[in-house]
Amino acid sequence: MRTPGPPLLVPGVRLDRDPAGESARALERAGAPWVAGFCLFGGTADAVASLCAALRERAARPLLIAADMERGAGQQVAGLTRLLDAGILGLGGTPREAFAMGRLTAAEARGVGVDVLFAPVLDVRSRVGNPIVGQRSFGHDPDLVAALGIAFARGALAGGCLPVAKHYPGHGATLGDSHDSRPVVDEGADVLLERDLAPFVAFARALRPAAFMTAHVAYPALDPTGAIATVSPALIGRLRAAVGAPVLVVSDALLMAGALGPGGEAEAARRALAAGCDLLLYPEDPEAVAAALGAALAADAGLARAARAAARRVARVAGGLARRRAARPRPADHR
């Protein structure tokens, strides 16, 4: 029997589509050795709180439970607070207000058992016609984006959650949406470094721990192979080299068209791990991806070393969040 790989996969849980069926599948998966956590979509506050507690009990080890909460915890969880788009804050808001938004979002998320926020968006809004970033971005100025994003993240940490900045190294200059295509940003290296990458580097230097989600976007000026950032050793290596300290790197969802090529999700996961991603987010068929990764790890010593290093980084973050939950339990009444 193939030895399963370390816990690096983060399946999705679509409570917005099939609450009972998705909860049951998540509970079945929670004890699997390849599960690092879950990414939740939808649900009521009571349902999410109950499920998160049950998942952690079933796993009997620290789990990272995440959600997209760029616009507050109410973006995903019914009954919690939905906040303004980042673009509205960027028109005249202050870092103090961004901090308060991050802290409120994290406090409410943590109150229902979510401890990883896929936010803030650090994409600089630089291309008219961009179909995916829009008001999710704090604005057109890299310094403003960095200042508000860092403040939001500091608030999230104060509220008890890990913020994950996205979408490294920037999705704001694309004319395509990586959910349904593989965008390419044909800008010069100088422009990309000064405009798009600058907020991510500033974030990484300002926050501990620092975590990032990659973009399924290619940047030929920074990686001439044409690889998307998620599977680019050059781009992920550039981030880690610029920071000079451990960072956690999360792939964007592996079911997205921008991630897929020959070999499907399994090959995308293998390449992402080899490139330096630590967490492999939301494949459509996580069991198949886990099996394929297990085979790849058994056949490739270098990939196995990368997996062990990734697992150590994941365990360090998950353990830290678990200790924080134990020291400061969530409120009994989260509504």
C-alpha atoms as a PDB file:
ATOM      1  CA  MET A   1       0.000   0.000   0.000  1.00  0.00           C
ATOM      2  CA  ARG A   2       1.338   3.436  -0.928  1.00  0.00           C
ATOM      3  CA  THR A   3       2.458   5.530   2.037  1.00  0.00           C
ATOM      4  CA  PRO A   4       0.295   8.685   2.172  1.00  0.00           C
ATOM      5  CA  GLY A   5       1.999  12.026   1.884  1.00  0.00           C
ATOM      6  CA  PRO A   6       2.234  14.580   4.696  1.00  0.00           C
ATOM      7  CA  PRO A   7      -0.715  16.862   5.519  1.00  0.00           C
ATOM      8  CA  LEU A   8      -0.519  19.507   2.792  1.00  0.00           C
ATOM      9  CA  LEU A   9      -3.945  19.421   1.091  1.00  0.00           C
ATOM     10  CA  VAL A  10      -6.826  21.761   1.916  1.00  0.00           C
ATOM     11  CA  PRO A  11     -10.128  20.472   0.491  1.00  0.00           C
ATOM     12  CA  GLY A  12     -13.048  22.817  -0.064  1.00  0.00           C
ATOM     13  CA  VAL A  13     -16.268  22.509   1.928  1.00  0.00           C
ATOM     14  CA  ARG A  14     -19.220  24.004   0.009  1.00  0.00           C
ATOM     15  CA  LEU A  15     -21.821  24.607   2.695  1.00  0.00           C
ATOM     16  CA  ASP A  16     -23.357  27.101   0.271  1.00  0.00           C
ATOM     17  CA  ARG A  17     -24.300  24.238  -2.076  1.00  0.00           C
ATOM     18  CA  ASP A  18     -24.925  21.057  -0.089  1.00  0.00           C
ATOM     19  CA  PRO A  19     -24.566  21.618   3.664  1.00  0.00           C
ATOM     20  CA  ALA A  20     -25.332  18.081   4.812  1.00  0.00           C
ATOM     21  CA  GLY A  21     -23.389  16.265   2.101  1.00  0.00           C
ATOM     22  CA  GLU A  22     -20.369  18.569   2.259  1.00  0.00           C
ATOM     23  CA  SER A  23     -20.226  18.388   6.057  1.00  0.00           C
ATOM     24  CA  ALA A  24     -20.311  14.592   5.942  1.00  0.00           C
ATOM     25  CA  ARG A  25     -17.532  14.453   3.321  1.00  0.00           C
ATOM     26  CA  ALA A  26     -15.382  16.852   5.316  1.00  0.00           C
ATOM     27  CA  LEU A  27     -15.802  14.774   8.469  1.00  0.00           C
ATOM     28  CA  GLU A  28     -14.788  11.651   6.549  1.00  0.00           C
ATOM     29  CA  ARG A  29     -11.669  13.421   5.292  1.00  0.00           C
ATOM     30  CA  ALA A  30     -10.686  15.062   8.596  1.00  0.00           C
ATOM     31  CA  GLY A  31      -8.807  12.007   9.827  1.00  0.00           C
ATOM     32  CA  ALA A  32      -6.908  11.445   6.581  1.00  0.00           C
ATOM     33  CA  PRO A  33      -3.154  11.926   7.005  1.00  0.00           C
ATOM     34  CA  TRP A  34      -2.904  14.123   3.905  1.00  0.00           C
ATOM     35  CA  VAL A  35      -5.379  16.762   5.161  1.00  0.00           C
ATOM     36  CA  ALA A  36      -3.866  19.983   6.494  1.00  0.00           C
ATOM     37  CA  GLY A  37      -7.205  21.729   6.871  1.00  0.00           C
ATOM     38  CA  PHE A  38     -10.285  22.901   5.012  1.00  0.00           C
ATOM     39  CA  CYS A  39     -11.529  25.941   3.115  1.00  0.00           C
ATOM     40  CA  LEU A  40     -15.146  26.760   3.993  1.00  0.00           C
ATOM     41  CA  PHE A  41     -17.711  28.445   1.775  1.00  0.00           C
ATOM     42  CA  GLY A  42     -21.089  29.542   3.124  1.00  0.00           C
ATOM     43  CA  GLY A  43     -23.110  28.236   6.046  1.00  0.00           C
ATOM     44  CA  THR A  44     -24.731  29.818   9.055  1.00  0.00           C
ATOM     45  CA  ALA A  45     -22.719  30.848  12.094  1.00  0.00           C
ATOM     46  CA  ASP A  46     -24.108  27.974  14.154  1.00  0.00           C
ATOM     47  CA  ALA A  47     -23.479  25.399  11.423  1.00  0.00           C
ATOM     48  CA  VAL A  48     -19.914  26.586  10.781  1.00  0.00           C
ATOM     49  CA  ALA A  49     -19.055  26.634  14.485  1.00  0.00           C
ATOM     50  CA  SER A  50     -20.413  23.109  14.982  1.00  0.00           C
ATOM     51  CA  LEU A  51     -18.629  21.753  11.916  1.00  0.00           C
ATOM     52  CA  CYS A  52     -15.268  23.329  12.789  1.00  0.00           C
ATOM     53  CA  ALA A  53     -15.400  21.846  16.269  1.00  0.00           C
ATOM     54  CA  ALA A  54     -16.337  18.425  14.908  1.00  0.00           C
ATOM     55  CA  LEU A  55     -13.567  18.507  12.293  1.00  0.00           C
ATOM     56  CA  ARG A  56     -10.942  19.277  14.893  1.00  0.00           C
ATOM     57  CA  GLU A  57     -12.251  16.587  17.196  1.00  0.00           C
ATOM     58  CA  ARG A  58     -12.226  14.029  14.373  1.00  0.00           C
ATOM     59  CA  ALA A  59      -8.717  14.986  13.260  1.00  0.00           C
ATOM     60  CA  ALA A  60      -7.290  14.940  16.806  1.00  0.00           C
ATOM     61  CA  ARG A  61      -4.476  17.253  15.653  1.00  0.00           C
ATOM     62  CA  PRO A  62      -4.208  20.917  14.672  1.00  0.00           C
ATOM     63  CA  LEU A  63      -6.143  21.793  11.504  1.00  0.00           C
ATOM     64  CA  LEU A  64      -6.061  25.031   9.533  1.00  0.00           C
ATOM     65  CA  ILE A  65      -9.641  26.075   8.781  1.00  0.00           C
ATOM     66  CA  ALA A  66      -9.763  28.884   6.246  1.00  0.00           C
ATOM     67  CA  ALA A  67     -12.233  31.037   4.356  1.00  0.00           C
ATOM     68  CA  ASP A  68     -12.224  33.873   1.832  1.00  0.00           C
ATOM     69  CA  MET A  69     -13.121  36.841   4.027  1.00  0.00           C
ATOM     70  CA  GLU A  70     -11.883  39.886   2.142  1.00  0.00           C
ATOM     71  CA  ARG A  71     -15.117  41.727   2.937  1.00  0.00           C
ATOM     72  CA  GLY A  72     -15.583  40.558   6.499  1.00  0.00           C
ATOM     73  CA  ALA A  73     -16.640  37.260   8.018  1.00  0.00           C
ATOM     74  CA  GLY A  74     -20.152  37.824   6.693  1.00  0.00           C
ATOM     75  CA  GLN A  75     -18.839  37.380   3.153  1.00  0.00           C
ATOM     76  CA  GLN A  76     -18.996  33.633   3.838  1.00  0.00           C
ATOM     77  CA  VAL A  77     -20.916  33.062   7.071  1.00  0.00           C
ATOM     78  CA  ALA A  78     -24.537  34.109   7.372  1.00  0.00           C
ATOM     79  CA  GLY A  79     -25.175  36.111  10.522  1.00  0.00           C
ATOM     80  CA  LEU A  80     -21.707  37.661  10.743  1.00  0.00           C
ATOM     81  CA  THR A  81     -20.645  41.149   9.633  1.00  0.00           C
ATOM     82  CA  ARG A  82     -20.145  41.967   5.965  1.00  0.00           C
ATOM     83  CA  LEU A  83     -17.774  44.896   5.449  1.00  0.00           C
ATOM     84  CA  LEU A  84     -17.030  47.333   2.654  1.00  0.00           C
ATOM     85  CA  ASP A  85     -14.974  46.376  -0.371  1.00  0.00           C
ATOM     86  CA  ALA A  86     -11.280  47.158  -0.019  1.00  0.00           C
ATOM     87  CA  GLY A  87     -11.592  49.580  -2.939  1.00  0.00           C
ATOM     88  CA  ILE A  88     -14.007  51.737  -0.950  1.00  0.00           C
ATOM     89  CA  LEU A  89     -11.617  51.863   1.988  1.00  0.00           C
ATOM     90  CA  GLY A  90      -8.824  52.769  -0.411  1.00  0.00           C
ATOM     91  CA  LEU A  91     -10.653  55.919  -1.534  1.00  0.00           C
ATOM     92  CA  GLY A  92     -10.117  57.677   1.790  1.00  0.00           C
ATOM     93  CA  GLY A  93      -9.767  55.167   4.580  1.00  0.00           C
ATOM     94  CA  THR A  94      -6.897  55.043   7.022  1.00  0.00           C
ATOM     95  CA  PRO A  95      -4.637  52.268   8.303  1.00  0.00           C
ATOM     96  CA  ARG A  96      -6.438  52.579  11.649  1.00  0.00           C
ATOM     97  CA  GLU A  97      -9.722  51.743   9.920  1.00  0.00           C
ATOM     98  CA  ALA A  98      -8.119  48.869   8.001  1.00  0.00           C
ATOM     99  CA  PHE A  99      -6.744  47.500  11.281  1.00  0.00           C
ATOM    100  CA  ALA A 100     -10.220  47.637  12.818  1.00  0.00           C
ATOM    101  CA  MET A 101     -11.684  45.807   9.818  1.00  0.00           C
ATOM    102  CA  GLY A 102      -9.073  43.078  10.079  1.00  0.00           C
ATOM    103  CA  ARG A 103      -9.545  42.671  13.816  1.00  0.00           C
ATOM    104  CA  LEU A 104     -13.350  42.485  13.546  1.00  0.00           C
ATOM    105  CA  THR A 105     -13.159  40.012  10.692  1.00  0.00           C
ATOM    106  CA  ALA A 106     -10.749  37.788  12.603  1.00  0.00           C
ATOM    107  CA  ALA A 107     -12.658  37.973  15.886  1.00  0.00           C
ATOM    108  CA  GLU A 108     -15.888  36.913  14.202  1.00  0.00           C
ATOM    109  CA  ALA A 109     -14.172  34.242  12.109  1.00  0.00           C
ATOM    110  CA  ARG A 110     -12.409  32.812  15.125  1.00  0.00           C
ATOM    111  CA  GLY A 111     -15.693  32.874  17.013  1.00  0.00           C
ATOM    112  CA  VAL A 112     -17.041  30.228  14.633  1.00  0.00           C
ATOM    113  CA  GLY A 113     -13.814  28.229  14.387  1.00  0.00           C
ATOM    114  CA  VAL A 114     -12.156  29.725  11.279  1.00  0.00           C
ATOM    115  CA  ASP A 115      -8.554  30.720  11.965  1.00  0.00           C
ATOM    116  CA  VAL A 116      -7.084  31.467   8.517  1.00  0.00           C
ATOM    117  CA  LEU A 117      -8.312  34.409   6.448  1.00  0.00           C
ATOM    118  CA  PHE A 118      -7.631  34.417   2.725  1.00  0.00           C
ATOM    119  CA  ALA A 119      -7.230  38.188   2.866  1.00  0.00           C
ATOM    120  CA  PRO A 120      -6.070  40.886   2.328  1.00  0.00           C
ATOM    121  CA  VAL A 121      -5.881  41.351  -1.438  1.00  0.00           C
ATOM    122  CA  LEU A 122      -2.557  43.026  -2.267  1.00  0.00           C
ATOM    123  CA  ASP A 123      -3.136  43.153  -6.012  1.00  0.00           C
ATOM    124  CA  VAL A 124      -2.528  46.663  -7.353  1.00  0.00           C
ATOM    125  CA  ARG A 125      -5.363  47.805  -9.579  1.00  0.00           C
ATOM    126  CA  SER A 126      -3.328  48.684 -12.639  1.00  0.00           C
ATOM    127  CA  ARG A 127      -5.177  47.526 -15.764  1.00  0.00           C
ATOM    128  CA  VAL A 128      -8.472  48.924 -17.025  1.00  0.00           C
ATOM    129  CA  GLY A 129     -10.632  45.982 -17.988  1.00  0.00           C
ATOM    130  CA  ASN A 130      -9.219  43.584 -15.394  1.00  0.00           C
ATOM    131  CA  PRO A 131     -12.125  41.157 -14.868  1.00  0.00           C
ATOM    132  CA  ILE A 132     -11.348  39.762 -11.429  1.00  0.00           C
ATOM    133  CA  VAL A 133      -9.674  42.260  -9.066  1.00  0.00           C
ATOM    134  CA  GLY A 134     -11.720  45.462  -9.282  1.00  0.00           C
ATOM    135  CA  GLN A 135     -12.971  46.689  -5.933  1.00  0.00           C
ATOM    136  CA  ARG A 136     -11.231  43.801  -4.175  1.00  0.00           C
ATOM    137  CA  SER A 137      -8.048  45.892  -4.450  1.00  0.00           C
ATOM    138  CA  PHE A 138      -7.260  48.779  -2.140  1.00  0.00           C
ATOM    139  CA  GLY A 139      -6.331  50.844  -5.183  1.00  0.00           C
ATOM    140  CA  HIS A 140      -3.840  51.901  -7.865  1.00  0.00           C
ATOM    141  CA  ASP A 141      -0.970  53.029  -5.610  1.00  0.00           C
ATOM    142  CA  PRO A 142       1.379  50.242  -4.423  1.00  0.00           C
ATOM    143  CA  ASP A 143       2.288  52.164  -1.262  1.00  0.00           C
ATOM    144  CA  LEU A 144      -1.383  52.617  -0.336  1.00  0.00           C
ATOM    145  CA  VAL A 145      -2.143  48.972  -1.073  1.00  0.00           C
ATOM    146  CA  ALA A 146       0.760  47.905   1.128  1.00  0.00           C
ATOM    147  CA  ALA A 147      -0.135  50.245   4.000  1.00  0.00           C
ATOM    148  CA  LEU A 148      -3.806  49.259   4.147  1.00  0.00           C
ATOM    149  CA  GLY A 149      -3.094  45.576   3.553  1.00  0.00           C
ATOM    150  CA  ILE A 150      -0.493  45.452   6.324  1.00  0.00           C
ATOM    151  CA  ALA A 151      -2.835  47.274   8.701  1.00  0.00           C
ATOM    152  CA  PHE A 152      -5.688  44.856   7.915  1.00  0.00           C
ATOM    153  CA  ALA A 153      -3.343  41.927   8.487  1.00  0.00           C
ATOM    154  CA  ARG A 154      -2.094  43.299  11.808  1.00  0.00           C
ATOM    155  CA  GLY A 155      -5.708  43.631  12.888  1.00  0.00           C
ATOM    156  CA  ALA A 156      -6.384  40.051  11.818  1.00  0.00           C
ATOM    157  CA  LEU A 157      -3.439  38.810  13.870  1.00  0.00           C
ATOM    158  CA  ALA A 158      -4.677  40.829  16.851  1.00  0.00           C
ATOM    159  CA  GLY A 159      -8.074  39.173  16.401  1.00  0.00           C
ATOM    160  CA  GLY A 160      -6.568  35.707  16.489  1.00  0.00           C
ATOM    161  CA  CYS A 161      -6.365  34.663  12.830  1.00  0.00           C
ATOM    162  CA  LEU A 162      -3.626  34.184  10.261  1.00  0.00           C
ATOM    163  CA  PRO A 163      -4.024  36.572   7.293  1.00  0.00           C
ATOM    164  CA  VAL A 164      -2.956  35.263   3.868  1.00  0.00           C
ATOM    165  CA  ALA A 165      -2.059  37.988   1.358  1.00  0.00           C
ATOM    166  CA  LYS A 166      -3.068  37.357  -2.256  1.00  0.00           C
ATOM    167  CA  HIS A 167      -2.495  36.892  -5.171  1.00  0.00           C
ATOM    168  CA  TYR A 168       1.321  36.870  -5.322  1.00  0.00           C
ATOM    169  CA  PRO A 169       2.971  38.409  -7.306  1.00  0.00           C
ATOM    170  CA  GLY A 170      -0.099  40.386  -8.415  1.00  0.00           C
ATOM    171  CA  HIS A 171      -3.292  39.784 -10.410  1.00  0.00           C
ATOM    172  CA  GLY A 172      -4.130  43.424 -11.027  1.00  0.00           C
ATOM    173  CA  ALA A 173      -2.541  43.744 -14.472  1.00  0.00           C
ATOM    174  CA  THR A 174      -4.276  40.791 -16.129  1.00  0.00           C
ATOM    175  CA  LEU A 175      -6.941  40.926 -18.809  1.00  0.00           C
ATOM    176  CA  GLY A 176      -8.062  37.401 -17.974  1.00  0.00           C
ATOM    177  CA  ASP A 177      -9.543  35.653 -14.957  1.00  0.00           C
ATOM    178  CA  SER A 178      -7.524  32.674 -13.715  1.00  0.00           C
ATOM    179  CA  HIS A 179     -10.731  30.924 -12.689  1.00  0.00           C
ATOM    180  CA  ASP A 180     -11.377  30.189 -16.371  1.00  0.00           C
ATOM    181  CA  SER A 181      -8.103  30.929 -18.213  1.00  0.00           C
ATOM    182  CA  ARG A 182      -4.342  31.193 -17.738  1.00  0.00           C
ATOM    183  CA  PRO A 183      -3.556  34.928 -17.844  1.00  0.00           C
ATOM    184  CA  VAL A 184      -0.168  36.301 -18.873  1.00  0.00           C
ATOM    185  CA  VAL A 185       1.177  39.668 -17.711  1.00  0.00           C
ATOM    186  CA  ASP A 186       3.507  41.027 -20.406  1.00  0.00           C
ATOM    187  CA  GLU A 187       5.091  43.825 -18.409  1.00  0.00           C
ATOM    188  CA  GLY A 188       8.774  44.565 -17.935  1.00  0.00           C
ATOM    189  CA  ALA A 189      10.560  43.332 -14.832  1.00  0.00           C
ATOM    190  CA  ASP A 190      11.129  46.854 -13.501  1.00  0.00           C
ATOM    191  CA  VAL A 191       7.409  47.665 -13.630  1.00  0.00           C
ATOM    192  CA  LEU A 192       6.431  44.386 -11.996  1.00  0.00           C
ATOM    193  CA  LEU A 193       8.960  44.775  -9.196  1.00  0.00           C
ATOM    194  CA  GLU A 194       8.112  48.406  -8.423  1.00  0.00           C
ATOM    195  CA  ARG A 195       4.340  48.136  -8.811  1.00  0.00           C
ATOM    196  CA  ASP A 196       2.997  44.595  -8.408  1.00  0.00           C
ATOM    197  CA  LEU A 197       5.518  42.857  -6.161  1.00  0.00           C
ATOM    198  CA  ALA A 198       6.193  45.824  -3.886  1.00  0.00           C
ATOM    199  CA  PRO A 199       3.151  45.368  -1.597  1.00  0.00           C
ATOM    200  CA  PHE A 200       3.936  41.668  -1.128  1.00  0.00           C
ATOM    201  CA  VAL A 201       7.558  42.311  -0.203  1.00  0.00           C
ATOM    202  CA  ALA A 202       6.515  45.064   2.220  1.00  0.00           C
ATOM    203  CA  PHE A 203       3.916  42.732   3.757  1.00  0.00           C
ATOM    204  CA  ALA A 204       6.436  39.931   4.193  1.00  0.00           C
ATOM    205  CA  ARG A 205       8.911  42.223   5.919  1.00  0.00           C
ATOM    206  CA  ALA A 206       6.254  43.699   8.228  1.00  0.00           C
ATOM    207  CA  LEU A 207       4.406  40.572   9.403  1.00  0.00           C
ATOM    208  CA  ARG A 208       5.383  37.509  11.410  1.00  0.00           C
ATOM    209  CA  PRO A 209       4.197  34.998  10.506  1.00  0.00           C
ATOM    210  CA  ALA A 210       3.723  35.997   6.866  1.00  0.00           C
ATOM    211  CA  ALA A 211       1.579  33.914   4.516  1.00  0.00           C
ATOM    212  CA  PHE A 212       0.779  34.311   0.825  1.00  0.00           C
ATOM    213  CA  MET A 213      -1.506  32.849  -1.819  1.00  0.00           C
ATOM    214  CA  THR A 214      -0.068  32.497  -5.309  1.00  0.00           C
ATOM    215  CA  ALA A 215      -1.645  33.605  -8.584  1.00  0.00           C
ATOM    216  CA  HIS A 216      -2.312  31.221 -11.451  1.00  0.00           C
ATOM    217  CA  VAL A 217      -0.763  33.852 -13.718  1.00  0.00           C
ATOM    218  CA  ALA A 218       2.412  33.847 -15.838  1.00  0.00           C
ATOM    219  CA  TYR A 219       4.963  36.692 -15.741  1.00  0.00           C
ATOM    220  CA  PRO A 220       7.517  36.021 -18.521  1.00  0.00           C
ATOM    221  CA  ALA A 221       9.733  38.930 -17.482  1.00  0.00           C
ATOM    222  CA  LEU A 222      10.254  37.292 -14.083  1.00  0.00           C
ATOM    223  CA  ASP A 223      10.121  33.654 -15.173  1.00  0.00           C
ATOM    224  CA  PRO A 224      10.983  33.173 -18.855  1.00  0.00           C
ATOM    225  CA  THR A 225       9.707  29.573 -18.760  1.00  0.00           C
ATOM    226  CA  GLY A 226       6.164  30.956 -18.806  1.00  0.00           C
ATOM    227  CA  ALA A 227       5.192  29.025 -15.676  1.00  0.00           C
ATOM    228  CA  ILE A 228       2.375  30.456 -13.601  1.00  0.00           C
ATOM    229  CA  ALA A 229       3.466  31.722 -10.187  1.00  0.00           C
ATOM    230  CA  THR A 230       1.906  28.731  -8.416  1.00  0.00           C
ATOM    231  CA  VAL A 231       4.354  26.326 -10.099  1.00  0.00           C
ATOM    232  CA  SER A 232       7.283  28.719 -10.564  1.00  0.00           C
ATOM    233  CA  PRO A 233      10.378  28.040  -8.436  1.00  0.00           C
ATOM    234  CA  ALA A 234      11.756  31.368  -9.672  1.00  0.00           C
ATOM    235  CA  LEU A 235       8.824  33.433  -8.399  1.00  0.00           C
ATOM    236  CA  ILE A 236       8.308  31.618  -5.103  1.00  0.00           C
ATOM    237  CA  GLY A 237      12.059  31.573  -4.537  1.00  0.00           C
ATOM    238  CA  ARG A 238      12.201  35.323  -5.204  1.00  0.00           C
ATOM    239  CA  LEU A 239       9.631  35.905  -2.460  1.00  0.00           C
ATOM    240  CA  ARG A 240      11.467  33.814   0.112  1.00  0.00           C
ATOM    241  CA  ALA A 241      14.817  35.370  -0.802  1.00  0.00           C
ATOM    242  CA  ALA A 242      13.428  38.894  -0.483  1.00  0.00           C
ATOM    243  CA  VAL A 243      12.067  38.197   2.982  1.00  0.00           C
ATOM    244  CA  GLY A 244      14.948  36.291   4.515  1.00  0.00           C
ATOM    245  CA  ALA A 245      12.578  34.602   6.991  1.00  0.00           C
ATOM    246  CA  PRO A 246      10.170  31.673   6.850  1.00  0.00           C
ATOM    247  CA  VAL A 247       6.928  32.343   5.002  1.00  0.00           C
ATOM    248  CA  LEU A 248       3.940  30.104   4.342  1.00  0.00           C
ATOM    249  CA  VAL A 249       2.908  29.800   0.689  1.00  0.00           C
ATOM    250  CA  VAL A 250      -0.575  28.605  -0.296  1.00  0.00           C
ATOM    251  CA  SER A 251      -1.561  27.769  -3.845  1.00  0.00           C
ATOM    252  CA  ASP A 252      -4.718  29.308  -5.214  1.00  0.00           C
ATOM    253  CA  ALA A 253      -7.457  26.725  -5.787  1.00  0.00           C
ATOM    254  CA  LEU A 254      -6.185  23.850  -7.898  1.00  0.00           C
ATOM    255  CA  LEU A 255      -9.544  23.277  -9.556  1.00  0.00           C
ATOM    256  CA  MET A 256      -9.258  26.629 -11.350  1.00  0.00           C
ATOM    257  CA  ALA A 257      -8.600  26.555 -15.079  1.00  0.00           C
ATOM    258  CA  GLY A 258      -5.495  28.703 -14.646  1.00  0.00           C
ATOM    259  CA  ALA A 259      -3.810  25.924 -12.662  1.00  0.00           C
ATOM    260  CA  LEU A 260      -4.637  23.072 -14.979  1.00  0.00           C
ATOM    261  CA  GLY A 261      -2.627  21.618 -17.839  1.00  0.00           C
ATOM    262  CA  PRO A 262      -1.532  18.141 -18.912  1.00  0.00           C
ATOM    263  CA  GLY A 263      -1.877  15.858 -15.914  1.00  0.00           C
ATOM    264  CA  GLY A 264      -4.704  17.858 -14.371  1.00  0.00           C
ATOM    265  CA  GLU A 265      -4.917  18.627 -10.672  1.00  0.00           C
ATOM    266  CA  ALA A 266      -2.431  15.956  -9.619  1.00  0.00           C
ATOM    267  CA  GLU A 267       0.336  17.345 -11.827  1.00  0.00           C
ATOM    268  CA  ALA A 268      -0.515  20.914 -10.788  1.00  0.00           C
ATOM    269  CA  ALA A 269      -0.196  19.857  -7.136  1.00  0.00           C
ATOM    270  CA  ARG A 270       3.117  18.096  -7.755  1.00  0.00           C
ATOM    271  CA  ARG A 271       4.575  21.083  -9.584  1.00  0.00           C
ATOM    272  CA  ALA A 272       3.291  23.528  -6.952  1.00  0.00           C
ATOM    273  CA  LEU A 273       4.929  21.529  -4.179  1.00  0.00           C
ATOM    274  CA  ALA A 274       8.178  21.260  -6.127  1.00  0.00           C
ATOM    275  CA  ALA A 275       8.122  25.026  -6.730  1.00  0.00           C
ATOM    276  CA  GLY A 276       7.788  25.846  -3.035  1.00  0.00           C
ATOM    277  CA  CYS A 277       4.070  25.910  -2.194  1.00  0.00           C
ATOM    278  CA  ASP A 278       3.347  24.561   1.278  1.00  0.00           C
ATOM    279  CA  LEU A 279      -0.436  24.183   1.170  1.00  0.00           C
ATOM    280  CA  LEU A 280      -2.290  22.809  -1.853  1.00  0.00           C
ATOM    281  CA  LEU A 281      -5.701  24.414  -1.900  1.00  0.00           C
ATOM    282  CA  TYR A 282      -9.055  23.044  -3.026  1.00  0.00           C
ATOM    283  CA  PRO A 283      -8.569  20.373  -5.652  1.00  0.00           C
ATOM    284  CA  GLU A 284     -11.879  19.007  -6.940  1.00  0.00           C
ATOM    285  CA  ASP A 285     -10.771  15.428  -6.208  1.00  0.00           C
ATOM    286  CA  PRO A 286      -8.466  15.620  -3.180  1.00  0.00           C
ATOM    287  CA  GLU A 287      -8.312  11.835  -2.725  1.00  0.00           C
ATOM    288  CA  ALA A 288      -6.966  11.363  -6.244  1.00  0.00           C
ATOM    289  CA  VAL A 289      -4.466  14.183  -5.776  1.00  0.00           C
ATOM    290  CA  ALA A 290      -3.314  12.726  -2.453  1.00  0.00           C
ATOM    291  CA  ALA A 291      -2.793   9.298  -4.025  1.00  0.00           C
ATOM    292  CA  ALA A 292      -0.859  10.749  -6.960  1.00  0.00           C
ATOM    293  CA  LEU A 293       1.299  12.845  -4.638  1.00  0.00           C
ATOM    294  CA  GLY A 294       2.035   9.819  -2.490  1.00  0.00           C
ATOM    295  CA  ALA A 295       3.311   7.976  -5.566  1.00  0.00           C
ATOM    296  CA  ALA A 296       5.342  10.987  -6.680  1.00  0.00           C
ATOM    297  CA  LEU A 297       6.937  11.398  -3.258  1.00  0.00           C
ATOM    298  CA  ALA A 298       7.929   7.741  -3.173  1.00  0.00           C
ATOM    299  CA  ALA A 299       9.617   8.075  -6.578  1.00  0.00           C
ATOM    300  CA  ASP A 300      11.320  11.474  -6.154  1.00  0.00           C
ATOM    301  CA  ALA A 301      13.612  12.103  -3.190  1.00  0.00           C
ATOM    302  CA  GLY A 302      13.869  15.811  -3.948  1.00  0.00           C
ATOM    303  CA  LEU A 303      10.086  16.194  -3.947  1.00  0.00           C
ATOM    304  CA  ALA A 304       9.899  14.220  -0.706  1.00  0.00           C
ATOM    305  CA  ARG A 305      12.365  16.647   0.909  1.00  0.00           C
ATOM    306  CA  ALA A 306      10.279  19.586  -0.302  1.00  0.00           C
ATOM    307  CA  ALA A 307       7.164  17.968   1.162  1.00  0.00           C
ATOM    308  CA  ARG A 308       8.819  17.454   4.543  1.00  0.00           C
ATOM    309  CA  ALA A 309       9.975  21.078   4.620  1.00  0.00           C
ATOM    310  CA  ALA A 310       6.484  22.263   3.667  1.00  0.00           C
ATOM    311  CA  ALA A 311       4.935  20.053   6.341  1.00  0.00           C
ATOM    312  CA  ARG A 312       7.221  21.583   8.974  1.00  0.00           C
ATOM    313  CA  ARG A 313       6.176  25.096   7.978  1.00  0.00           C
ATOM    314  CA  VAL A 314       2.487  24.095   8.029  1.00  0.00           C
ATOM    315  CA  ALA A 315       2.824  22.360  11.398  1.00  0.00           C
ATOM    316  CA  ARG A 316       4.544  25.404  12.907  1.00  0.00           C
ATOM    317  CA  VAL A 317       1.676  27.693  11.866  1.00  0.00           C
ATOM    318  CA  ALA A 318      -1.115  25.237  12.708  1.00  0.00           C
ATOM    319  CA  GLY A 319       0.401  24.490  16.098  1.00  0.00           C
ATOM    320  CA  GLY A 320       0.723  28.175  16.897  1.00  0.00           C
ATOM    321  CA  LEU A 321      -2.913  28.838  16.052  1.00  0.00           C
ATOM    322  CA  ALA A 322      -4.030  25.804  18.074  1.00  0.00           C
ATOM    323  CA  ARG A 323      -2.121  27.041  21.109  1.00  0.00           C
ATOM    324  CA  ARG A 324      -3.704  30.447  20.720  1.00  0.00           C
ATOM    325  CA  ARG A 325      -7.191  28.903  20.568  1.00  0.00           C
ATOM    326  CA  ALA A 326      -6.454  26.891  23.694  1.00  0.00           C
ATOM    327  CA  ALA A 327      -5.200  29.962  25.551  1.00  0.00           C
ATOM    328  CA  ARG A 328      -8.122  32.148  24.474  1.00  0.00           C
ATOM    329  CA  PRO A 329     -11.165  29.998  23.658  1.00  0.00           C
ATOM    330  CA  ARG A 330     -13.787  31.390  21.318  1.00  0.00           C
ATOM    331  CA  PRO A 331     -16.813  33.074  22.918  1.00  0.00           C
ATOM    332  CA  ALA A 332     -19.692  30.762  23.692  1.00  0.00           C
ATOM    333  CA  ASP A 333     -22.142  33.110  21.975  1.00  0.00           C
ATOM    334  CA  HIS A 334     -20.733  33.972  18.541  1.00  0.00           C
ATOM    335  CA  ARG A 335     -23.894  35.539  17.166  1.00  0.00           C
END
